[in-house]
Amino acid sequence: MEVTRSTGLRDGSTCLVRLTIPSDFPAIAALRDHIASAESTIADTGEPTTPSLLGFTIAALGQGGGVALTAVRNDKIAGNLLIERDPSPVKRHVAQFGVIVAPSCRSLGIGSLLIVQGEEWARSAGIRLLTLEVFESNTRACMLYERLGFHSDGVRRNYIIDAKGTHNVVLMSKELHPD
C-alpha cells in the first residue's frame, strides 16, 4: 500500500496516512483508552489496552488479510483504522472496520481520510462489502458514515454492556465496487 499525504484537512494542515508500525502501538493504545474512558462512543472494558496486546491484534489482522492504518498530524498520532477480513471461506469478500480519531483532531477530515484510504485498500484486497458497528448514541459518527455512503442495516438493542451501561449498536455497511 502506498503512503498517502493530504494537505486537504479543514485547517490547512498536512496529515500522513500510513500502515501502522510497532512504534505507534503505545500512542494508539493510550488514545483508545482515553476515548473509551472519557466518552461513550466506544466500549469501555475497564482494562487498559497494552501496546503488546494491540501489537498482537494488528499482527493477527495482517495474517488474516486485514490492515491497520495510522493517521499522523504534526508528528502525533491523530487516528487509527483497523480492517478485519471475515475468516469464513464464504465471506472472504466481507470486512469489518473500526476507526478512532483523537478528540483534538476531530472535524478536520481525518476520520474521512482514514476511511477512504481503508476503502481503497479493501478494494485492492478484493473486499466487496465493508461493515461496521457504531454506538447508536454516537450520532456524529453515524452521520459521517452516511456521508461516506454507508447505510444502516439495523440496530442491535442492548448489544454492548460496559462500565458506562448498556448500548444499542447500529450495523452499517457499504458495497465496494472495483475501480
Protein backbone atom coordinates (compact mmCIF):
# COMPACT_ATOMS: atom_id res chain seq x y z
CA MET A 1 0.00 0.00 0.00
CA GLU A 2 1.25 3.43 -0.88
CA VAL A 3 1.61 6.15 1.73
CA THR A 4 -0.87 8.96 1.20
CA ARG A 5 -0.35 12.58 2.16
CA SER A 6 -3.20 15.03 2.38
CA THR A 7 -2.96 18.78 2.57
CA GLY A 8 -6.73 18.99 2.33
CA LEU A 9 -7.53 18.95 6.04
CA ARG A 10 -10.03 21.60 7.01
CA ASP A 11 -7.46 23.60 8.98
CA GLY A 12 -4.93 23.53 6.11
CA SER A 13 -2.54 21.19 7.94
CA THR A 14 -0.96 18.05 6.49
CA CYS A 15 -1.87 14.54 7.52
CA LEU A 16 0.04 11.40 6.67
CA VAL A 17 -1.87 8.11 6.48
CA ARG A 18 0.35 5.05 6.52
CA LEU A 19 0.50 1.45 7.64
CA THR A 20 0.64 1.18 11.42
CA ILE A 21 4.11 0.41 12.75
CA PRO A 22 5.15 -1.01 16.16
CA SER A 23 6.32 2.37 17.46
CA ASP A 24 2.69 3.59 17.05
CA PHE A 25 1.31 0.99 19.49
CA PRO A 26 1.76 2.92 22.77
CA ALA A 27 0.14 6.11 21.42
CA ILE A 28 -2.75 4.23 19.79
CA ALA A 29 -3.37 2.21 22.96
CA ALA A 30 -3.40 5.41 25.03
CA LEU A 31 -5.75 7.11 22.55
CA ARG A 32 -8.14 4.15 22.56
CA ASP A 33 -8.19 4.05 26.36
CA HIS A 34 -8.70 7.83 26.62
CA ILE A 35 -11.68 7.72 24.25
CA ALA A 36 -13.17 4.67 26.00
CA SER A 37 -12.92 6.24 29.46
CA ALA A 38 -13.82 9.84 28.60
CA GLU A 39 -16.65 9.28 26.10
CA SER A 40 -19.48 6.88 25.43
CA THR A 41 -18.51 6.35 21.79
CA ILE A 42 -16.59 3.06 22.10
CA ALA A 43 -16.83 0.24 24.62
CA ASP A 44 -15.03 0.75 27.92
CA THR A 45 -13.76 -2.65 29.03
CA GLY A 46 -12.37 -1.20 32.23
CA GLU A 47 -8.99 -2.72 31.36
CA PRO A 48 -6.12 -0.78 29.79
CA THR A 49 -5.13 -1.57 26.22
CA THR A 50 -1.50 -2.62 26.38
CA PRO A 51 0.81 -1.87 23.44
CA SER A 52 1.70 -5.58 23.29
CA LEU A 53 -1.97 -6.59 23.05
CA LEU A 54 -2.51 -4.00 20.33
CA GLY A 55 0.56 -5.32 18.50
CA PHE A 56 -0.79 -8.87 18.70
CA THR A 57 -4.16 -7.69 17.35
CA ILE A 58 -2.55 -5.84 14.44
CA ALA A 59 -0.30 -8.81 13.61
CA ALA A 60 -3.36 -11.09 13.60
CA LEU A 61 -5.15 -8.65 11.26
CA GLY A 62 -2.27 -8.83 8.81
CA GLN A 63 -2.17 -12.63 8.90
CA GLY A 64 -5.92 -12.79 8.34
CA GLY A 65 -5.89 -10.43 5.38
CA GLY A 66 -6.66 -7.23 7.31
CA VAL A 67 -4.82 -3.98 7.74
CA ALA A 68 -4.12 -1.24 10.29
CA LEU A 69 -3.69 2.36 9.15
CA THR A 70 -2.47 5.29 11.23
CA ALA A 71 -3.01 8.99 10.66
CA VAL A 72 -0.19 11.28 11.80
CA ARG A 73 -0.63 15.05 12.10
CA ASN A 74 2.04 17.38 13.49
CA ASP A 75 4.19 14.33 14.34
CA LYS A 76 1.48 12.90 16.63
CA ILE A 77 -0.94 10.02 16.22
CA ALA A 78 -4.22 11.60 15.13
CA GLY A 79 -6.22 8.45 14.40
CA ASN A 80 -6.23 4.76 13.64
CA LEU A 81 -8.30 2.44 11.46
CA LEU A 82 -8.40 -1.36 11.72
CA ILE A 83 -9.92 -3.53 8.99
CA GLU A 84 -10.56 -7.19 9.74
CA ARG A 85 -11.43 -9.55 6.92
CA ASP A 86 -14.02 -12.22 7.69
CA PRO A 87 -12.23 -15.59 8.05
CA SER A 88 -15.11 -17.67 6.67
CA PRO A 89 -14.39 -19.03 3.17
CA VAL A 90 -17.87 -17.95 2.03
CA LYS A 91 -17.47 -14.44 3.47
CA ARG A 92 -13.89 -13.55 2.43
CA HIS A 93 -15.41 -10.68 0.44
CA VAL A 94 -16.56 -9.05 3.73
CA ALA A 95 -14.53 -6.99 6.19
CA GLN A 96 -15.42 -5.02 9.29
CA PHE A 97 -13.64 -1.88 10.37
CA GLY A 98 -13.28 0.38 13.37
CA VAL A 99 -11.84 3.88 13.49
CA ILE A 100 -10.79 6.26 16.23
CA VAL A 101 -9.72 9.91 15.95
CA ALA A 102 -8.09 11.96 18.69
CA PRO A 103 -10.58 14.45 20.17
CA SER A 104 -8.25 17.36 19.32
CA CYS A 105 -8.17 16.25 15.67
CA ARG A 106 -11.89 15.82 15.03
CA SER A 107 -13.79 17.81 12.41
CA LEU A 108 -10.62 18.19 10.33
CA GLY A 109 -11.36 15.36 7.88
CA ILE A 110 -9.00 12.77 9.42
CA GLY A 111 -11.75 10.21 10.01
CA SER A 112 -12.90 10.57 6.41
CA LEU A 113 -9.33 10.32 5.15
CA LEU A 114 -8.71 7.11 7.11
CA ILE A 115 -11.98 5.54 5.93
CA VAL A 116 -11.44 6.48 2.27
CA GLN A 117 -7.88 5.14 2.40
CA GLY A 118 -9.20 1.99 4.09
CA GLU A 119 -11.78 1.57 1.33
CA GLU A 120 -9.04 1.83 -1.30
CA TRP A 121 -7.04 -0.87 0.50
CA ALA A 122 -10.16 -3.05 0.83
CA ARG A 123 -10.95 -2.77 -2.90
CA SER A 124 -7.39 -3.73 -3.80
CA ALA A 125 -7.68 -6.75 -1.46
CA GLY A 126 -10.86 -7.96 -3.19
CA ILE A 127 -13.23 -6.92 -0.41
CA ARG A 128 -16.68 -6.12 -1.76
CA LEU A 129 -18.61 -5.38 1.44
CA LEU A 130 -17.28 -3.16 4.22
CA THR A 131 -19.20 -3.24 7.51
CA LEU A 132 -19.06 -1.53 10.88
CA GLU A 133 -20.82 -1.32 14.22
CA VAL A 134 -21.30 2.07 15.89
CA PHE A 135 -22.99 3.04 19.14
CA GLU A 136 -26.44 4.39 18.31
CA SER A 137 -25.72 7.34 20.62
CA ASN A 138 -22.68 8.32 18.51
CA THR A 139 -24.77 10.36 16.07
CA ARG A 140 -21.76 12.32 14.84
CA ALA A 141 -20.05 9.14 13.65
CA CYS A 142 -23.30 7.80 12.16
CA MET A 143 -23.64 10.99 10.09
CA LEU A 144 -20.03 10.70 8.90
CA TYR A 145 -20.55 7.11 7.78
CA GLU A 146 -23.77 8.05 5.96
CA ARG A 147 -21.98 10.93 4.22
CA LEU A 148 -19.35 8.42 3.04
CA GLY A 149 -22.01 6.13 1.54
CA PHE A 150 -22.67 3.64 4.35
CA HIS A 151 -26.25 2.70 5.12
CA SER A 152 -27.90 1.30 8.21
CA ASP A 153 -28.65 -2.42 8.21
CA GLY A 154 -30.44 -2.34 11.56
CA VAL A 155 -29.91 -1.92 15.28
CA ARG A 156 -28.82 -4.49 17.85
CA ARG A 157 -30.59 -3.45 21.05
CA ASN A 158 -28.69 -3.69 24.36
CA TYR A 159 -25.79 -5.28 22.48
CA ILE A 160 -22.89 -3.83 24.50
CA ILE A 161 -22.72 -3.72 28.28
CA ASP A 162 -19.67 -1.91 29.59
CA ALA A 163 -18.61 0.19 32.56
CA LYS A 164 -20.88 3.03 31.41
CA GLY A 165 -24.04 0.98 30.85
CA THR A 166 -25.95 -0.70 28.05
CA HIS A 167 -25.59 0.43 24.45
CA ASN A 168 -27.50 -0.13 21.24
CA VAL A 169 -25.32 -0.69 18.19
CA VAL A 170 -26.16 0.37 14.63
CA LEU A 171 -24.98 -2.07 11.96
CA MET A 172 -23.83 -0.28 8.80
CA SER A 173 -22.39 -1.41 5.50
CA LYS A 174 -21.19 -0.22 2.12
CA GLU A 175 -20.75 -2.18 -1.08
CA LEU A 176 -17.40 -1.56 -2.69
CA HIS A 177 -17.20 -1.67 -6.45
CA PRO A 178 -13.92 -2.29 -8.24
CA ASP A 179 -12.33 0.85 -9.68
